[in-house]
C-alpha atoms as a PDB file:
ATOM      1  CA  MET A   1      -0.121   0.047   0.101  1.00  0.00           C
ATOM      2  CA  ALA A   2       1.366   3.513  -0.730  1.00  0.00           C
ATOM      3  CA  PRO A   3       2.036   5.948   2.073  1.00  0.00           C
ATOM      4  CA  ASP A   4      -0.644   8.641   2.235  1.00  0.00           C
ATOM      5  CA  ASN A   5       0.787  12.067   1.239  1.00  0.00           C
ATOM      6  CA  THR A   6      -2.194  13.926   1.795  1.00  0.00           C
ATOM      7  CA  ALA A   7      -1.637  17.211   4.068  1.00  0.00           C
ATOM      8  CA  LYS A   8      -3.889  17.256   6.772  1.00  0.00           C
ATOM      9  CA  ALA A   9      -4.841  20.251   8.543  1.00  0.00           C
ATOM     10  CA  SER A  10      -3.192  19.088  11.863  1.00  0.00           C
ATOM     11  CA  ASP A  11       0.318  19.420   9.568  1.00  0.00           C
ATOM     12  CA  GLY A  12       0.455  22.815   9.641  1.00  0.00           C
ATOM     13  CA  PRO A  13       0.538  25.684   6.963  1.00  0.00           C
ATOM     14  CA  LYS A  14       3.124  24.443   4.194  1.00  0.00           C
ATOM     15  CA  CYS A  15       6.394  26.345   2.810  1.00  0.00           C
ATOM     16  CA  PRO A  16       5.337  27.779  -0.528  1.00  0.00           C
ATOM     17  CA  SER A  17       7.209  26.405  -2.840  1.00  0.00           C
ATOM     18  CA  LYS A  18      10.033  28.198  -5.226  1.00  0.00           C
ATOM     19  CA  ASN A  19       7.130  28.144  -8.384  1.00  0.00           C
ATOM     20  CA  GLU A  20       4.398  29.721  -6.122  1.00  0.00           C
ATOM     21  CA  ILE A  21       7.217  32.837  -5.406  1.00  0.00           C
ATOM     22  CA  TYR A  22       8.348  33.091  -9.071  1.00  0.00           C
ATOM     23  CA  GLN A  23       4.670  33.258  -9.919  1.00  0.00           C
ATOM     24  CA  SER A  24       4.234  35.753  -7.801  1.00  0.00           C
ATOM     25  CA  TYR A  25       6.615  38.028  -9.746  1.00  0.00           C
ATOM     26  CA  GLY A  26       4.983  36.253 -12.915  1.00  0.00           C
ATOM     27  CA  GLY A  27       7.531  34.018 -13.821  1.00  0.00           C
ATOM     28  CA  TRP A  28      11.371  33.377 -13.247  1.00  0.00           C
ATOM     29  CA  ASN A  29      12.086  35.798 -16.044  1.00  0.00           C
ATOM     30  CA  ASN A  30      10.440  38.771 -13.893  1.00  0.00           C
ATOM     31  CA  PHE A  31      11.717  37.391 -10.301  1.00  0.00           C
ATOM     32  CA  MET A  32      15.184  37.829 -11.758  1.00  0.00           C
ATOM     33  CA  MET A  33      14.734  41.094 -13.706  1.00  0.00           C
ATOM     34  CA  SER A  34      13.054  42.450 -10.578  1.00  0.00           C
ATOM     35  CA  TYR A  35      16.390  42.269  -8.577  1.00  0.00           C
ATOM     36  CA  GLY A  36      18.446  43.555 -11.852  1.00  0.00           C
ATOM     37  CA  PHE A  37      19.573  39.720 -12.278  1.00  0.00           C
ATOM     38  CA  LYS A  38      20.375  38.226 -15.713  1.00  0.00           C
ATOM     39  CA  GLY A  39      19.085  34.754 -15.762  1.00  0.00           C
ATOM     40  CA  TYR A  40      22.075  33.738 -17.497  1.00  0.00           C
ATOM     41  CA  GLU A  41      24.944  34.551 -15.555  1.00  0.00           C
ATOM     42  CA  PRO A  42      25.564  31.769 -13.013  1.00  0.00           C
ATOM     43  CA  ASP A  43      26.274  34.352 -10.188  1.00  0.00           C
ATOM     44  CA  ASP A  44      22.817  35.930 -10.776  1.00  0.00           C
ATOM     45  CA  VAL A  45      21.592  32.400 -10.566  1.00  0.00           C
ATOM     46  CA  LYS A  46      23.126  31.512  -7.148  1.00  0.00           C
ATOM     47  CA  GLU A  47      21.882  35.112  -5.514  1.00  0.00           C
ATOM     48  CA  GLY A  48      18.530  34.734  -7.116  1.00  0.00           C
ATOM     49  CA  ASN A  49      18.136  31.194  -5.715  1.00  0.00           C
ATOM     50  CA  ALA A  50      19.430  32.569  -2.565  1.00  0.00           C
ATOM     51  CA  ILE A  51      17.220  34.985  -2.746  1.00  0.00           C
ATOM     52  CA  VAL A  52      13.826  32.734  -3.280  1.00  0.00           C
ATOM     53  CA  GLU A  53      14.949  30.473  -0.401  1.00  0.00           C
ATOM     54  CA  THR A  54      15.004  33.433   2.076  1.00  0.00           C
ATOM     55  CA  LEU A  55      11.565  34.782   0.626  1.00  0.00           C
ATOM     56  CA  ARG A  56      10.538  31.065   1.777  1.00  0.00           C
ATOM     57  CA  GLU A  57      11.283  30.898   4.970  1.00  0.00           C
ATOM     58  CA  GLY A  58       9.898  34.479   5.493  1.00  0.00           C
ATOM     59  CA  GLU A  59       6.365  33.338   4.322  1.00  0.00           C
ATOM     60  CA  ASN A  60       6.516  30.088   6.006  1.00  0.00           C
ATOM     61  CA  GLU A  61       6.898  31.951   9.150  1.00  0.00           C
ATOM     62  CA  ARG A  62       4.399  34.293   8.379  1.00  0.00           C
ATOM     63  CA  ARG A  63       2.359  31.359   7.930  1.00  0.00           C
ATOM     64  CA  VAL A  64       3.200  29.610  11.138  1.00  0.00           C
ATOM     65  CA  ASP A  65       2.548  32.666  13.025  1.00  0.00           C
ATOM     66  CA  ALA A  66      -0.797  33.553  11.355  1.00  0.00           C
ATOM     67  CA  ALA A  67      -2.207  29.354  12.250  1.00  0.00           C
ATOM     68  CA  GLU A  68      -0.396  30.112  15.789  1.00  0.00           C
ATOM     69  CA  GLY A  69      -2.617  33.072  16.322  1.00  0.00           C
ATOM     70  CA  GLN A  70      -5.527  31.242  14.886  1.00  0.00           C
ATOM     71  CA  VAL A  71      -5.276  29.085  17.402  1.00  0.00           C
ATOM     72  CA  GLN A  72      -4.698  31.341  20.331  1.00  0.00           C
ATOM     73  CA  ASP A  73      -7.891  33.034  19.465  1.00  0.00           C
ATOM     74  CA  GLN A  74      -9.717  29.829  18.896  1.00  0.00           C
ATOM     75  CA  GLU A  75      -8.065  29.073  22.458  1.00  0.00           C
ATOM     76  CA  SER A  76      -8.877  32.383  23.993  1.00  0.00           C
ATOM     77  CA  GLY A  77     -12.530  32.295  22.808  1.00  0.00           C
ATOM     78  CA  GLY A  78     -12.048  35.204  20.190  1.00  0.00           C
ATOM     79  CA  GLN A  79     -11.204  37.718  22.611  1.00  0.00           C
ATOM     80  CA  GLY A  80      -8.890  40.350  22.021  1.00  0.00           C
ATOM     81  CA  LYS A  81      -8.668  39.783  18.522  1.00  0.00           C
ATOM     82  CA  ASP A  82      -7.821  42.759  16.040  1.00  0.00           C
ATOM     83  CA  LYS A  83      -7.972  45.281  19.137  1.00  0.00           C
ATOM     84  CA  LYS A  84      -6.919  48.897  18.264  1.00  0.00           C
ATOM     85  CA  TYR A  85      -5.556  51.145  21.093  1.00  0.00           C
END
């Protein structure tokens, strides 16, 4: 029997794929150009890859923080959500 690879709600938020990051810029070429990089320069490609990994990590942290905030909010019965002082 094949393993069940489906994500469950309890698995938490997923880190976005590189492709999701690229698509948010309109594709890989636009991503590279937005940072002033050339897709045919190996050093630019390395730097672009480092940036996309940093963006993925940051987005993953944001998603985890948001999910934890929802859990805390549910535990407190919705008290204190979106308070403005």
